[in-house]
Amino acid sequence: MKVLEREEGELALRIARGALEAHLAGTAYRLPPAPQVFREKRGVFVTLTEQGMLRGCIGLPLPLLPLGDALIEAAVSAGTGDPRFPPISREEMGEIRLEVTVLSVPELLECPPAERPQKVEVGRHGLIMRGRGRSGLLLPQVATEYHWTATEFLEHTCGKSGLPPGCWKLPDVEVLTFEGQIFSEPE
């Protein structure tokens, strides 16, 4: 995965904010001129906070859209489609802080289930848990923020996926890891 330069990360934040603000204003958003990386298919998440509290987080874990288009979709969805929160209003936008996480392609953790905690690197890996018709994802920064061990991270990802506690120990449940490059607006 090509790592984005600082300027590209700042542009990603401007695109996400611009797309959400345009959507809330009922106007069309057009991507500004951007480097080639914004035309490459990438997974991305947009996280919104207000006064340090989560206000929305949605993304595309797989590289299905060009990064520029994925940013637009994730930003609008995080602001208006996260079922955990009411949609953001135009008036709130001045208080909203955005974070963009550009993802590497998820990779299946190839080891016996009992060895999964040893293969998960807290602070580096994000996790996707899937099995039994369910799936869930936690970004790499979540485990760091809560000071979780690898085992705790796996447990919380079970919960996020709607699977029972300890499901990461089951051979019919897949665990995938990915990395994320994080760009945040200043406080």
Protein backbone atom coordinates (compact mmCIF):
# COMPACT_ATOMS: atom_id res chain seq x y z
CA MET A 1 0.00 0.00 0.00
CA LYS A 2 1.36 3.40 -0.96
CA VAL A 3 1.60 5.58 2.11
CA LEU A 4 -0.01 8.98 1.69
CA GLU A 5 2.12 12.06 2.15
CA ARG A 6 1.11 14.61 4.81
CA GLU A 7 -0.28 16.95 2.13
CA GLU A 8 -2.36 14.11 0.66
CA GLY A 9 -3.73 13.33 4.12
CA GLU A 10 -4.66 16.98 4.60
CA LEU A 11 -6.42 16.91 1.23
CA ALA A 12 -8.29 13.75 2.28
CA LEU A 13 -9.57 15.61 5.34
CA ARG A 14 -10.64 18.61 3.22
CA ILE A 15 -12.47 16.30 0.79
CA ALA A 16 -14.29 14.52 3.63
CA ARG A 17 -15.32 17.80 5.30
CA GLY A 18 -16.28 19.43 2.01
CA ALA A 19 -18.41 16.46 0.97
CA LEU A 20 -20.27 16.37 4.28
CA GLU A 21 -20.81 20.15 4.36
CA ALA A 22 -22.08 20.13 0.76
CA HIS A 23 -24.45 17.27 1.52
CA LEU A 24 -25.85 19.07 4.57
CA ALA A 25 -26.30 22.23 2.48
CA GLY A 26 -28.10 20.26 -0.24
CA THR A 27 -25.48 21.06 -2.87
CA ALA A 28 -23.37 18.86 -5.11
CA TYR A 29 -19.74 18.23 -4.19
CA ARG A 30 -17.05 17.95 -6.82
CA LEU A 31 -13.67 16.44 -6.10
CA PRO A 32 -10.91 19.01 -6.35
CA PRO A 33 -7.84 18.27 -8.49
CA ALA A 34 -5.99 15.54 -6.63
CA PRO A 35 -2.90 13.35 -6.97
CA GLN A 36 -3.11 9.90 -8.56
CA VAL A 37 -3.51 8.15 -5.18
CA PHE A 38 -7.06 9.55 -4.96
CA ARG A 39 -7.95 7.57 -8.10
CA GLU A 40 -6.63 4.29 -6.63
CA LYS A 41 -9.14 1.96 -4.98
CA ARG A 42 -8.71 2.12 -1.20
CA GLY A 43 -10.61 1.24 1.92
CA VAL A 44 -11.27 4.24 4.16
CA PHE A 45 -13.13 5.21 7.33
CA VAL A 46 -14.27 8.66 8.41
CA THR A 47 -14.68 9.25 12.14
CA LEU A 48 -16.52 12.28 13.49
CA THR A 49 -16.18 13.55 17.05
CA GLU A 50 -17.81 16.42 18.90
CA GLN A 51 -16.15 17.66 22.08
CA GLY A 52 -14.06 14.50 22.13
CA MET A 53 -17.07 12.16 21.94
CA LEU A 54 -17.79 9.85 19.00
CA ARG A 55 -20.47 11.34 16.74
CA GLY A 56 -20.26 8.99 13.75
CA CYS A 57 -17.92 6.48 12.14
CA ILE A 58 -18.54 4.69 8.87
CA GLY A 59 -16.32 3.51 6.10
CA LEU A 60 -15.57 1.06 3.39
CA PRO A 61 -13.19 -1.64 4.67
CA LEU A 62 -12.40 -3.03 1.22
CA PRO A 63 -10.85 -1.17 -1.73
CA LEU A 64 -14.03 -1.01 -3.83
CA LEU A 65 -13.95 2.67 -4.86
CA PRO A 66 -11.27 5.18 -5.77
CA LEU A 67 -10.07 6.91 -2.60
CA GLY A 68 -11.67 10.27 -3.52
CA ASP A 69 -15.10 8.68 -4.06
CA ALA A 70 -14.72 6.47 -0.98
CA LEU A 71 -13.98 9.56 1.15
CA ILE A 72 -17.15 11.27 -0.09
CA GLU A 73 -19.31 8.22 0.60
CA ALA A 74 -17.78 7.54 4.03
CA ALA A 75 -17.99 11.17 5.18
CA VAL A 76 -21.64 11.59 4.20
CA SER A 77 -22.53 8.20 5.71
CA ALA A 78 -20.68 8.94 8.96
CA GLY A 79 -22.49 12.25 9.31
CA THR A 80 -25.96 11.18 8.29
CA GLY A 81 -26.19 7.39 8.27
CA ASP A 82 -24.54 6.01 11.42
CA PRO A 83 -27.49 4.27 13.12
CA ARG A 84 -26.01 4.93 16.57
CA PHE A 85 -26.48 8.70 16.25
CA PRO A 86 -28.95 11.25 14.86
CA PRO A 87 -27.77 12.93 11.65
CA ILE A 88 -25.42 15.86 12.05
CA SER A 89 -26.92 19.28 11.42
CA ARG A 90 -25.30 22.11 9.45
CA GLU A 91 -25.13 24.11 12.69
CA GLU A 92 -23.04 21.38 14.35
CA MET A 93 -20.35 21.30 11.67
CA GLY A 94 -18.28 23.99 13.41
CA GLU A 95 -17.94 21.68 16.42
CA ILE A 96 -17.25 18.49 14.45
CA ARG A 97 -13.70 17.17 14.16
CA LEU A 98 -12.90 14.70 11.38
CA GLU A 99 -10.44 11.84 11.28
CA VAL A 100 -9.72 9.87 8.12
CA THR A 101 -8.19 6.39 8.26
CA VAL A 102 -6.91 5.05 4.93
CA LEU A 103 -6.76 1.25 5.09
CA SER A 104 -4.49 -1.41 3.72
CA VAL A 105 -6.16 -4.46 2.16
CA PRO A 106 -7.38 -6.78 4.95
CA GLU A 107 -5.48 -10.06 5.22
CA LEU A 108 -6.69 -13.31 6.75
CA LEU A 109 -4.84 -14.17 9.96
CA GLU A 110 -3.36 -17.53 8.97
CA CYS A 111 -2.79 -19.41 12.23
CA PRO A 112 -4.64 -21.73 14.59
CA PRO A 113 -7.30 -19.80 16.54
CA ALA A 114 -5.44 -20.22 19.86
CA GLU A 115 -2.46 -18.32 18.39
CA ARG A 116 -4.44 -15.31 17.20
CA PRO A 117 -3.57 -13.07 20.18
CA GLN A 118 0.14 -13.56 19.46
CA LYS A 119 -0.34 -12.49 15.82
CA VAL A 120 -2.34 -9.31 16.52
CA GLU A 121 -0.18 -6.21 17.02
CA VAL A 122 -2.02 -3.62 19.10
CA GLY A 123 -1.32 -0.16 17.72
CA ARG A 124 -0.62 -1.51 14.25
CA HIS A 125 -3.49 -3.80 13.32
CA GLY A 126 -7.19 -3.19 12.95
CA LEU A 127 -9.42 -6.25 13.08
CA ILE A 128 -12.29 -7.67 11.08
CA MET A 129 -14.16 -10.61 12.56
CA ARG A 130 -16.51 -12.57 10.33
CA GLY A 131 -18.42 -15.79 10.56
CA ARG A 132 -21.88 -17.25 10.99
CA GLY A 133 -23.37 -14.59 8.71
CA ARG A 134 -22.01 -11.68 10.76
CA SER A 135 -19.02 -9.38 10.64
CA GLY A 136 -17.60 -6.42 12.51
CA LEU A 137 -14.58 -4.15 12.37
CA LEU A 138 -12.55 -2.12 14.83
CA LEU A 139 -9.94 0.37 13.63
CA PRO A 140 -6.33 0.11 14.90
CA GLN A 141 -6.61 3.28 17.00
CA VAL A 142 -9.50 1.85 19.08
CA ALA A 143 -7.34 -0.72 20.87
CA THR A 144 -4.67 1.89 21.54
CA GLU A 145 -7.19 4.43 22.83
CA TYR A 146 -8.61 1.95 25.34
CA HIS A 147 -5.24 0.35 26.23
CA TRP A 148 -6.47 -3.12 25.30
CA THR A 149 -4.32 -6.21 25.08
CA ALA A 150 -4.51 -8.26 21.89
CA THR A 151 -6.93 -10.67 23.58
CA GLU A 152 -9.18 -7.80 24.73
CA PHE A 153 -9.09 -6.39 21.21
CA LEU A 154 -10.22 -9.74 19.80
CA GLU A 155 -12.99 -9.96 22.42
CA HIS A 156 -14.30 -6.48 21.67
CA THR A 157 -14.25 -7.25 17.95
CA CYS A 158 -16.43 -10.30 18.67
CA GLY A 159 -18.92 -7.95 20.32
CA LYS A 160 -18.76 -5.45 17.45
CA SER A 161 -19.53 -8.23 15.00
CA GLY A 162 -22.54 -9.43 16.98
CA LEU A 163 -20.87 -12.76 17.66
CA PRO A 164 -20.63 -14.29 21.14
CA PRO A 165 -17.68 -13.62 23.47
CA GLY A 166 -14.70 -15.82 22.71
CA CYS A 167 -15.77 -16.38 19.11
CA TRP A 168 -12.22 -15.58 17.97
CA LYS A 169 -11.22 -18.99 19.35
CA LEU A 170 -13.53 -20.81 16.92
CA PRO A 171 -12.17 -22.28 13.67
CA ASP A 172 -15.29 -21.26 11.70
CA VAL A 173 -14.78 -17.57 12.57
CA GLU A 174 -12.26 -15.67 10.45
CA VAL A 175 -10.05 -12.89 11.79
CA LEU A 176 -8.54 -10.45 9.32
CA THR A 177 -5.99 -7.77 10.07
CA PHE A 178 -5.34 -4.49 8.31
CA GLU A 179 -3.34 -1.34 8.91
CA GLY A 180 -4.54 2.22 8.78
CA GLN A 181 -2.91 5.53 8.09
CA ILE A 182 -4.62 8.14 10.25
CA PHE A 183 -5.09 11.83 9.48
CA SER A 184 -6.86 14.10 11.98
CA GLU A 185 -8.05 17.68 11.97
CA PRO A 186 -6.45 19.75 14.72
CA GLU A 187 -8.30 20.09 18.02
